[in-house]
């Protein structure tokens, strides 16, 4: 059966291919090397989620540090009169950050007019955040390199490459939470050699419910976001 370009069947096939690459690339020869820059990117999604949530709640976002092993942290300062809810929301922003980005990129893949702007917007965000907040060698090297690649695909790449880049990055971001399940269900984590509360542990400290309940709620909310974006993208054929 011939698949019509722009059809739902083609969209499903592309998304499945992106998911297969995300899942199995690490086990291929040199796969860990190839996927490593995108592991750093998912850390950026996570830590920017913390930092931007701090800004949105009226607090300060000071710096973003990413380590070579893919861990990292976002340093923010809250006002003396900030509420426990604000601090909990900042902690939630990290786990939800990749899912929000993944949902947006998957939605953008549904219509051709969004492909180039979405890639350029992500490239611009990577460069701007590097200049303002990133304070680690890994971040200084990897994030601008990814930004340059995305800008090249947006400006010089074929439509197929633009669409695949959006879908690959969207699926990568969406699935990254499942790589962090151990972290989400842990109350304490070691980051940069220092033991500190995990995101769900920090939420528990402010909102009382056990950290594992918050982990379940965050995963469920992320699932709803990603599922909704996938359903829209698969039912929308405006990219033809």
Foldseek 3Di string as FASTA:
>chain_A
DDDDPLALVVVVVLLVVLLCCLVCQVVDVCSCVVCQLVLLVLQVLLQVLLQVLCVVQPWHWAAWEADSVSHTHTDTDDDPPDALVSQLSSLLRRLCRLLVLLLVLLLLLLALVSLLVNLQVQLVVLVVCCVGHYDYPSSVPSSNVSSVVSNCCSPPNDSVSSSSVSSNSSSNSLCVSVVCLVLQQDQWDQGPNRIDGGSLVSNCVRPVDHSVVVSVVSNVVSVVSNVVSNVVSSVHSNHD
